[in-house]
C-alpha cells in the first residue's frame, strides 16, 4: 500500500503504515494466523490504516486493538480492493497484471509457499500446467490453498537454457517480507516464471487504490478525524 500511495501521489515521501494495526484490529482476518490480501484491503477501506508513529511497529504478536484511542490520528484509506480478473480462482492474464503494475505500482498477490520448491527459490515450482481443470489437488493450485502474500514489483525477460534448449522466458520479480537478505540474490526478492501460474501467482492478484470510498480520488488518501 505504501508503494501505491507513492505512485498515486507521485512522491518519494511516504508514511510508514502500521502492520501491527492490521494484526490487532482487522476483524476480517485472523491476526498472526493469516488472512487474504483482499480482506486487508476491505479493512483499510472501511476503517483506514494508522501509521507506525501513531499505532506502533510490528511486534510479531497479536495484541488488543487500541485504535479507538487514536481517533484524531491520521488514517490512510484505500478503495476498490478486489481480485484482478473479476472473480476468485481464475488464472489472470499476465498482460493484464503487467498493465496494472505499470499504471498503479507494485501489486499484492496471494501465493502458495511449499517446503520444497519455494525454499530453493525455484522460479517454476512444481509443474501445474498439464491439468488446470483437474480437481486433483496434487496436480494444481487452488486459490484457497494460498498461504502467503508477496508483492510483484516488476518483471524481467531473460534468455535461459533448459535441457539443452535455449529460449526467452519472462519472470515476475517479487518482494517478500522475510527480511532484506532473503532470496537467491540476498536482496529480499525472487523471480517467478510468468504465464505458468507458478506458486498460484496468477490465481489471486489483488488490486487497491489510494482514496476514500465515499469520495474516490487518487490524490486524497489521507483522512483526519475519520475514525
Protein backbone atom coordinates (compact mmCIF):
# COMPACT_ATOMS: atom_id res chain seq x y z
CA UNK A 1 0.00 0.00 0.00
CA UNK A 2 2.87 2.39 0.68
CA UNK A 3 4.14 1.79 -2.87
CA UNK A 4 0.74 2.57 -4.35
CA UNK A 5 0.47 5.67 -2.18
CA UNK A 6 3.80 6.90 -3.60
CA UNK A 7 2.78 6.17 -7.20
CA UNK A 8 -0.67 7.77 -6.90
CA UNK A 9 0.76 10.95 -5.37
CA UNK A 10 3.95 10.88 -7.47
CA UNK A 11 6.11 11.31 -4.40
CA UNK A 12 9.18 9.72 -2.83
CA UNK A 13 7.95 10.59 0.66
CA UNK A 14 5.56 8.24 2.35
CA UNK A 15 4.04 7.40 5.73
CA UNK A 16 5.03 4.07 7.20
CA UNK A 17 1.79 2.17 7.69
CA UNK A 18 1.41 0.11 10.84
CA UNK A 19 1.25 -3.63 10.20
CA UNK A 20 0.56 -4.05 13.91
CA UNK A 21 -2.66 -2.06 13.48
CA UNK A 22 -3.83 -4.65 10.94
CA UNK A 23 -2.77 -7.60 13.09
CA UNK A 24 -4.52 -6.28 16.20
CA UNK A 25 -7.67 -4.76 14.72
CA UNK A 26 -8.62 -6.40 11.42
CA UNK A 27 -11.81 -8.35 12.14
CA UNK A 28 -11.82 -9.73 8.59
CA UNK A 29 -8.57 -11.67 9.08
CA UNK A 30 -7.06 -13.91 11.75
CA UNK A 31 -4.25 -11.80 13.16
CA UNK A 32 -0.99 -13.72 13.27
CA UNK A 33 -2.81 -16.77 11.90
CA UNK A 34 -3.06 -15.12 8.48
CA UNK A 35 -5.69 -13.96 6.03
CA UNK A 36 -6.17 -12.90 2.42
CA UNK A 37 -4.95 -9.68 0.84
CA UNK A 38 -8.44 -8.59 -0.17
CA UNK A 39 -9.56 -8.86 3.47
CA UNK A 40 -6.78 -6.48 4.48
CA UNK A 41 -7.96 -4.12 1.76
CA UNK A 42 -11.55 -4.32 2.98
CA UNK A 43 -10.49 -3.36 6.50
CA UNK A 44 -8.44 -0.39 5.27
CA UNK A 45 -11.33 0.66 3.04
CA UNK A 46 -13.74 0.60 6.00
CA UNK A 47 -11.51 1.83 8.83
CA UNK A 48 -8.31 3.23 7.35
CA UNK A 49 -4.79 2.31 8.39
CA UNK A 50 -2.75 4.11 11.02
CA UNK A 51 0.96 4.84 10.85
CA UNK A 52 3.72 3.28 12.90
CA UNK A 53 4.28 6.67 14.52
CA UNK A 54 0.75 6.64 15.96
CA UNK A 55 -0.10 2.97 16.43
CA UNK A 56 3.28 1.27 16.73
CA UNK A 57 5.66 -1.02 14.88
CA UNK A 58 5.12 -4.68 14.10
CA UNK A 59 5.70 -6.85 17.19
CA UNK A 60 5.04 -10.33 15.81
CA UNK A 61 2.20 -10.98 18.28
CA UNK A 62 -1.49 -10.10 18.30
CA UNK A 63 -2.45 -7.59 20.97
CA UNK A 64 -5.70 -5.95 22.00
CA UNK A 65 -6.74 -3.32 19.47
CA UNK A 66 -6.32 0.24 20.75
CA UNK A 67 -7.10 2.13 17.54
CA UNK A 68 -10.25 3.63 19.09
CA UNK A 69 -7.98 5.64 21.38
CA UNK A 70 -6.40 7.30 18.33
CA UNK A 71 -9.48 8.98 16.90
CA UNK A 72 -7.64 12.12 15.83
CA UNK A 73 -4.61 10.40 14.33
CA UNK A 74 -4.02 10.33 10.58
CA UNK A 75 -5.69 7.43 8.81
CA UNK A 76 -5.00 6.46 5.23
CA UNK A 77 -7.73 4.92 3.11
CA UNK A 78 -7.65 2.71 0.04
CA UNK A 79 -10.60 1.63 -2.05
CA UNK A 80 -11.77 -0.70 -4.84
CA UNK A 81 -9.84 -3.63 -3.34
CA UNK A 82 -10.66 -6.76 -5.32
CA UNK A 83 -9.19 -9.70 -7.15
CA UNK A 84 -7.91 -8.64 -10.55
CA UNK A 85 -9.83 -10.52 -13.23
CA UNK A 86 -13.20 -10.22 -11.59
CA UNK A 87 -13.64 -13.45 -9.63
CA UNK A 88 -11.80 -15.80 -7.29
CA UNK A 89 -9.99 -18.84 -8.60
CA UNK A 90 -9.42 -17.56 -12.13
CA UNK A 91 -5.99 -17.53 -13.72
CA UNK A 92 -5.46 -13.89 -14.58
CA UNK A 93 -3.93 -12.86 -17.90
CA UNK A 94 -0.30 -11.90 -17.13
CA UNK A 95 -0.58 -8.97 -19.56
CA UNK A 96 -3.46 -7.55 -17.52
CA UNK A 97 -1.31 -7.91 -14.40
CA UNK A 98 1.60 -6.17 -16.13
CA UNK A 99 -0.60 -3.23 -17.08
CA UNK A 100 -1.87 -2.98 -13.50
CA UNK A 101 1.68 -2.80 -12.10
CA UNK A 102 2.78 -0.39 -14.84
CA UNK A 103 -0.09 2.02 -14.25
CA UNK A 104 -0.59 1.89 -10.50
CA UNK A 105 2.52 0.38 -8.95
CA UNK A 106 3.51 -2.82 -7.13
CA UNK A 107 0.67 -5.26 -6.54
CA UNK A 108 -0.06 -7.76 -3.80
CA UNK A 109 -0.50 -11.41 -4.82
CA UNK A 110 -1.57 -14.40 -2.75
CA UNK A 111 0.70 -17.38 -3.41
CA UNK A 112 1.21 -20.94 -2.26
CA UNK A 113 4.52 -21.46 -0.44
CA UNK A 114 5.73 -25.04 -0.13
CA UNK A 115 8.70 -26.53 1.70
CA UNK A 116 10.48 -27.78 -1.41
CA UNK A 117 10.48 -25.55 -4.47
CA UNK A 118 9.93 -22.14 -2.90
CA UNK A 119 12.60 -22.63 -0.27
CA UNK A 120 15.03 -23.47 -3.09
CA UNK A 121 13.95 -20.31 -4.96
CA UNK A 122 12.86 -22.41 -7.93
CA UNK A 123 11.14 -19.95 -10.31
CA UNK A 124 8.75 -22.59 -11.65
CA UNK A 125 7.56 -24.60 -8.66
CA UNK A 126 6.03 -27.95 -9.47
CA UNK A 127 4.52 -28.50 -12.92
CA UNK A 128 0.90 -27.39 -12.70
CA UNK A 129 0.39 -26.62 -16.37
CA UNK A 130 -0.79 -30.05 -17.52
CA UNK A 131 -4.26 -30.33 -15.98
CA UNK A 132 -5.53 -26.97 -14.76
CA UNK A 133 -9.13 -28.28 -14.82
CA UNK A 134 -8.38 -31.45 -12.87
CA UNK A 135 -9.77 -31.37 -9.31
CA UNK A 136 -6.88 -33.44 -8.01
CA UNK A 137 -5.27 -31.07 -5.52
CA UNK A 138 -1.89 -32.68 -6.06
CA UNK A 139 -1.85 -31.51 -9.69
CA UNK A 140 -2.50 -27.80 -9.46
CA UNK A 141 -3.11 -24.91 -7.10
CA UNK A 142 -6.45 -23.83 -5.69
CA UNK A 143 -6.77 -20.21 -4.63
CA UNK A 144 -7.98 -21.21 -1.15
CA UNK A 145 -4.73 -23.12 -0.61
CA UNK A 146 -2.70 -19.93 -0.92
CA UNK A 147 -0.88 -19.25 2.31
CA UNK A 148 1.36 -16.22 1.85
CA UNK A 149 1.35 -12.68 0.48
CA UNK A 150 4.14 -11.14 -1.58
CA UNK A 151 4.38 -8.07 -3.80
CA UNK A 152 5.02 -8.05 -7.54
CA UNK A 153 7.40 -5.15 -8.12
CA UNK A 154 8.16 -5.77 -11.80
CA UNK A 155 9.29 -8.33 -14.34
CA UNK A 156 12.31 -9.22 -16.45
CA UNK A 157 12.87 -11.19 -19.67
CA UNK A 158 15.93 -13.41 -19.95
CA UNK A 159 17.42 -15.97 -22.28
CA UNK A 160 17.70 -19.30 -20.48
CA UNK A 161 18.75 -22.84 -21.40
CA UNK A 162 16.72 -25.81 -20.20
CA UNK A 163 17.71 -29.37 -21.14
CA UNK A 164 19.93 -28.02 -23.88
CA UNK A 165 17.20 -25.82 -25.37
CA UNK A 166 17.64 -22.05 -25.32
CA UNK A 167 14.54 -19.88 -25.07
CA UNK A 168 13.38 -16.48 -23.88
CA UNK A 169 11.47 -16.51 -20.61
CA UNK A 170 9.78 -13.74 -18.64
CA UNK A 171 9.78 -13.73 -14.84
CA UNK A 172 7.85 -11.81 -12.24
CA UNK A 173 10.05 -10.12 -9.65
CA UNK A 174 8.51 -10.48 -6.21
CA UNK A 175 9.44 -8.83 -2.95
CA UNK A 176 9.00 -10.96 0.14
CA UNK A 177 8.56 -9.92 3.76
CA UNK A 178 11.13 -12.31 5.22
CA UNK A 179 13.97 -9.86 5.55
CA UNK A 180 16.22 -7.77 3.31
CA UNK A 181 18.70 -10.64 2.82
CA UNK A 182 16.12 -13.26 1.80
CA UNK A 183 16.22 -14.71 -1.71
CA UNK A 184 18.82 -16.08 -4.12
CA UNK A 185 20.44 -12.66 -4.53
CA UNK A 186 20.17 -11.82 -0.80
CA UNK A 187 18.14 -8.70 -1.61
CA UNK A 188 14.65 -9.67 -0.44
CA UNK A 189 13.42 -10.61 -3.92
CA UNK A 190 12.93 -13.69 -6.10
CA UNK A 191 11.97 -14.38 -9.71
CA UNK A 192 8.85 -16.46 -10.51
CA UNK A 193 8.10 -17.64 -14.05
CA UNK A 194 5.35 -15.67 -15.76
CA UNK A 195 2.50 -17.42 -17.57
CA UNK A 196 2.69 -20.76 -15.73
CA UNK A 197 0.72 -19.78 -12.63
CA UNK A 198 3.74 -20.92 -10.65
CA UNK A 199 3.00 -20.88 -6.91
CA UNK A 200 -0.51 -19.70 -7.92
CA UNK A 201 0.91 -16.23 -8.54
CA UNK A 202 -1.61 -15.56 -11.31
CA UNK A 203 -4.60 -17.00 -9.41
CA UNK A 204 -5.25 -14.20 -6.94
CA UNK A 205 -3.61 -10.83 -7.63
CA UNK A 206 -5.22 -8.10 -5.53
CA UNK A 207 -5.76 -4.51 -6.60
CA UNK A 208 -6.29 -1.49 -4.34
CA UNK A 209 -6.16 2.23 -4.95
CA UNK A 210 -5.42 5.24 -2.80
CA UNK A 211 -8.66 7.06 -1.98
CA UNK A 212 -11.64 7.30 0.36
CA UNK A 213 -14.54 5.18 -0.82
CA UNK A 214 -17.18 7.85 -0.22
CA UNK A 215 -15.23 10.44 -2.18
CA UNK A 216 -12.99 8.48 -4.52
CA UNK A 217 -9.93 10.47 -5.52
CA UNK A 218 -6.48 9.07 -6.33
CA UNK A 219 -4.93 12.18 -4.77
CA UNK A 220 -6.86 12.01 -1.49
CA UNK A 221 -5.80 9.09 0.63
CA UNK A 222 -5.36 10.82 3.99
CA UNK A 223 -8.34 11.47 6.22
CA UNK A 224 -8.18 13.23 9.60
CA UNK A 225 -10.74 12.50 12.31
CA UNK A 226 -12.29 9.71 10.20
CA UNK A 227 -12.33 7.02 12.86
